Amino acid sequence: MTTTLQRRESANLWEQFCQWVTSTDNRLYIGWFGVLMIPTLLAATACFVIAFIAAPPVDIDGIREPVAGSLMYGNNIISGAVVPSSNAIGLHFYPIWEAASVD
């Protein structure tokens, strides 16, 4: 009786990862969209939960009357909300258009 040993070619880590992501043998197919989607959803969920608990009041009307929606400002689970604000766009993008000028 003769036993034949075959040398298995070892793939590098990136090739193994690519095969695992695109494999349909997994119970849950991830795919390349899932590689981007899963961490993004986890980050967005964590940000929303933190904002729901501890976001500061926001002046949404511009009449200097802040609206509080987080749990730390007296709301409960039913009345709590993450209050969106358009001035957050100006706050976050201010350095972009400030740096765009030569002055």
C-alpha atoms as a PDB file:
ATOM      1  CA  MET A   1       0.000   0.000   0.000  1.00  0.00           C
ATOM      2  CA  THR A   2       1.388   3.356  -0.997  1.00  0.00           C
ATOM      3  CA  THR A   3       0.497   6.635   0.685  1.00  0.00           C
ATOM      4  CA  THR A   4       0.863   9.799  -1.290  1.00  0.00           C
ATOM      5  CA  LEU A   5       1.305  13.090   0.490  1.00  0.00           C
ATOM      6  CA  GLN A   6       0.331  16.204  -1.350  1.00  0.00           C
ATOM      7  CA  ARG A   7       1.786  19.467  -0.330  1.00  0.00           C
ATOM      8  CA  ARG A   8      -0.974  21.977   0.222  1.00  0.00           C
ATOM      9  CA  GLU A   9      -0.185  25.408  -1.022  1.00  0.00           C
ATOM     10  CA  SER A  10      -0.771  27.866   1.769  1.00  0.00           C
ATOM     11  CA  ALA A  11      -2.581  31.010   0.763  1.00  0.00           C
ATOM     12  CA  ASN A  12      -1.650  34.259   2.389  1.00  0.00           C
ATOM     13  CA  LEU A  13      -3.917  35.990   4.878  1.00  0.00           C
ATOM     14  CA  TRP A  14      -5.505  38.362   2.344  1.00  0.00           C
ATOM     15  CA  GLU A  15      -6.462  35.540  -0.007  1.00  0.00           C
ATOM     16  CA  GLN A  16      -7.988  33.579   2.871  1.00  0.00           C
ATOM     17  CA  PHE A  17      -9.995  36.646   3.897  1.00  0.00           C
ATOM     18  CA  CYS A  18     -11.206  37.202   0.320  1.00  0.00           C
ATOM     19  CA  GLN A  19     -12.286  33.583   0.031  1.00  0.00           C
ATOM     20  CA  TRP A  20     -14.095  33.720   3.379  1.00  0.00           C
ATOM     21  CA  VAL A  21     -15.951  36.949   2.518  1.00  0.00           C
ATOM     22  CA  THR A  22     -17.145  35.718  -0.858  1.00  0.00           C
ATOM     23  CA  SER A  23     -17.809  32.108   0.175  1.00  0.00           C
ATOM     24  CA  THR A  24     -21.398  30.927  -0.085  1.00  0.00           C
ATOM     25  CA  ASP A  25     -20.646  28.075   2.333  1.00  0.00           C
ATOM     26  CA  ASN A  26     -20.985  30.414   5.315  1.00  0.00           C
ATOM     27  CA  ARG A  27     -24.256  30.375   7.212  1.00  0.00           C
ATOM     28  CA  LEU A  28     -24.484  34.147   6.763  1.00  0.00           C
ATOM     29  CA  TYR A  29     -23.176  35.559   3.472  1.00  0.00           C
ATOM     30  CA  ILE A  30     -21.204  38.737   4.129  1.00  0.00           C
ATOM     31  CA  GLY A  31     -19.854  39.837   0.754  1.00  0.00           C
ATOM     32  CA  TRP A  32     -17.890  42.981   0.037  1.00  0.00           C
ATOM     33  CA  PHE A  33     -20.854  45.223   0.769  1.00  0.00           C
ATOM     34  CA  GLY A  34     -21.114  43.612   4.205  1.00  0.00           C
ATOM     35  CA  VAL A  35     -17.447  44.326   4.881  1.00  0.00           C
ATOM     36  CA  LEU A  36     -18.280  48.029   4.601  1.00  0.00           C
ATOM     37  CA  MET A  37     -21.828  47.923   5.961  1.00  0.00           C
ATOM     38  CA  ILE A  38     -21.327  46.006   9.221  1.00  0.00           C
ATOM     39  CA  PRO A  39     -18.697  48.330  10.802  1.00  0.00           C
ATOM     40  CA  THR A  40     -20.582  51.392   9.551  1.00  0.00           C
ATOM     41  CA  LEU A  41     -23.845  50.216  11.125  1.00  0.00           C
ATOM     42  CA  LEU A  42     -22.074  49.405  14.395  1.00  0.00           C
ATOM     43  CA  ALA A  43     -20.532  52.889  14.523  1.00  0.00           C
ATOM     44  CA  ALA A  44     -23.855  54.573  13.654  1.00  0.00           C
ATOM     45  CA  THR A  45     -25.708  52.529  16.280  1.00  0.00           C
ATOM     46  CA  ALA A  46     -23.159  53.383  18.968  1.00  0.00           C
ATOM     47  CA  CYS A  47     -23.339  57.085  18.043  1.00  0.00           C
ATOM     48  CA  PHE A  48     -27.146  57.059  18.144  1.00  0.00           C
ATOM     49  CA  VAL A  49     -27.252  55.339  21.551  1.00  0.00           C
ATOM     50  CA  ILE A  50     -24.748  57.811  23.017  1.00  0.00           C
ATOM     51  CA  ALA A  51     -26.696  60.742  21.545  1.00  0.00           C
ATOM     52  CA  PHE A  52     -29.997  59.334  22.846  1.00  0.00           C
ATOM     53  CA  ILE A  53     -28.547  59.184  26.345  1.00  0.00           C
ATOM     54  CA  ALA A  54     -26.392  62.301  26.553  1.00  0.00           C
ATOM     55  CA  ALA A  55     -26.900  64.743  23.642  1.00  0.00           C
ATOM     56  CA  PRO A  56     -27.088  68.410  24.682  1.00  0.00           C
ATOM     57  CA  PRO A  57     -30.121  70.607  23.919  1.00  0.00           C
ATOM     58  CA  VAL A  58     -30.253  72.086  20.408  1.00  0.00           C
ATOM     59  CA  ASP A  59     -31.638  75.416  19.166  1.00  0.00           C
ATOM     60  CA  ILE A  60     -33.530  74.122  16.119  1.00  0.00           C
ATOM     61  CA  ASP A  61     -35.699  77.174  15.413  1.00  0.00           C
ATOM     62  CA  GLY A  62     -33.078  79.861  15.907  1.00  0.00           C
ATOM     63  CA  ILE A  63     -35.204  81.575  18.565  1.00  0.00           C
ATOM     64  CA  ARG A  64     -32.789  80.751  21.392  1.00  0.00           C
ATOM     65  CA  GLU A  65     -35.061  78.135  22.930  1.00  0.00           C
ATOM     66  CA  PRO A  66     -33.129  74.871  23.050  1.00  0.00           C
ATOM     67  CA  VAL A  67     -34.970  71.594  22.585  1.00  0.00           C
ATOM     68  CA  ALA A  68     -33.673  68.713  24.708  1.00  0.00           C
ATOM     69  CA  GLY A  69     -34.352  65.145  23.651  1.00  0.00           C
ATOM     70  CA  SER A  70     -31.859  63.014  25.552  1.00  0.00           C
ATOM     71  CA  LEU A  71     -32.423  60.957  28.675  1.00  0.00           C
ATOM     72  CA  MET A  72     -30.051  63.083  30.772  1.00  0.00           C
ATOM     73  CA  TYR A  73     -32.300  66.111  30.290  1.00  0.00           C
ATOM     74  CA  GLY A  74     -35.421  64.596  31.827  1.00  0.00           C
ATOM     75  CA  ASN A  75     -36.920  62.596  28.982  1.00  0.00           C
ATOM     76  CA  ASN A  76     -37.909  58.967  29.298  1.00  0.00           C
ATOM     77  CA  ILE A  77     -37.654  56.170  26.732  1.00  0.00           C
ATOM     78  CA  ILE A  78     -40.944  57.170  25.067  1.00  0.00           C
ATOM     79  CA  SER A  79     -40.354  60.931  24.840  1.00  0.00           C
ATOM     80  CA  GLY A  80     -36.619  60.743  24.151  1.00  0.00           C
ATOM     81  CA  ALA A  81     -35.272  61.665  20.734  1.00  0.00           C
ATOM     82  CA  VAL A  82     -32.107  62.597  18.922  1.00  0.00           C
ATOM     83  CA  VAL A  83     -32.918  66.137  17.783  1.00  0.00           C
ATOM     84  CA  PRO A  84     -31.301  66.930  14.422  1.00  0.00           C
ATOM     85  CA  SER A  85     -29.895  70.369  13.837  1.00  0.00           C
ATOM     86  CA  SER A  86     -28.883  72.036  10.581  1.00  0.00           C
ATOM     87  CA  ASN A  87     -26.285  74.193  12.316  1.00  0.00           C
ATOM     88  CA  ALA A  88     -24.310  70.998  12.974  1.00  0.00           C
ATOM     89  CA  ILE A  89     -23.501  71.014   9.255  1.00  0.00           C
ATOM     90  CA  GLY A  90     -21.925  74.431   9.598  1.00  0.00           C
ATOM     91  CA  LEU A  91     -20.065  73.335  12.701  1.00  0.00           C
ATOM     92  CA  HIS A  92     -18.554  70.257  11.084  1.00  0.00           C
ATOM     93  CA  PHE A  93     -17.825  71.702   7.636  1.00  0.00           C
ATOM     94  CA  TYR A  94     -16.572  75.133   8.813  1.00  0.00           C
ATOM     95  CA  PRO A  95     -12.865  74.235   8.542  1.00  0.00           C
ATOM     96  CA  ILE A  96     -13.348  73.086   4.926  1.00  0.00           C
ATOM     97  CA  TRP A  97     -14.631  76.379   3.558  1.00  0.00           C
ATOM     98  CA  GLU A  98     -12.467  78.423   5.909  1.00  0.00           C
ATOM     99  CA  ALA A  99      -9.350  76.689   4.599  1.00  0.00           C
ATOM    100  CA  ALA A 100     -10.523  77.068   0.998  1.00  0.00           C
ATOM    101  CA  SER A 101      -9.860  80.815   1.033  1.00  0.00           C
ATOM    102  CA  VAL A 102      -6.433  82.383   0.529  1.00  0.00           C
ATOM    103  CA  ASP A 103      -6.962  85.084   3.165  1.00  0.00           C
END
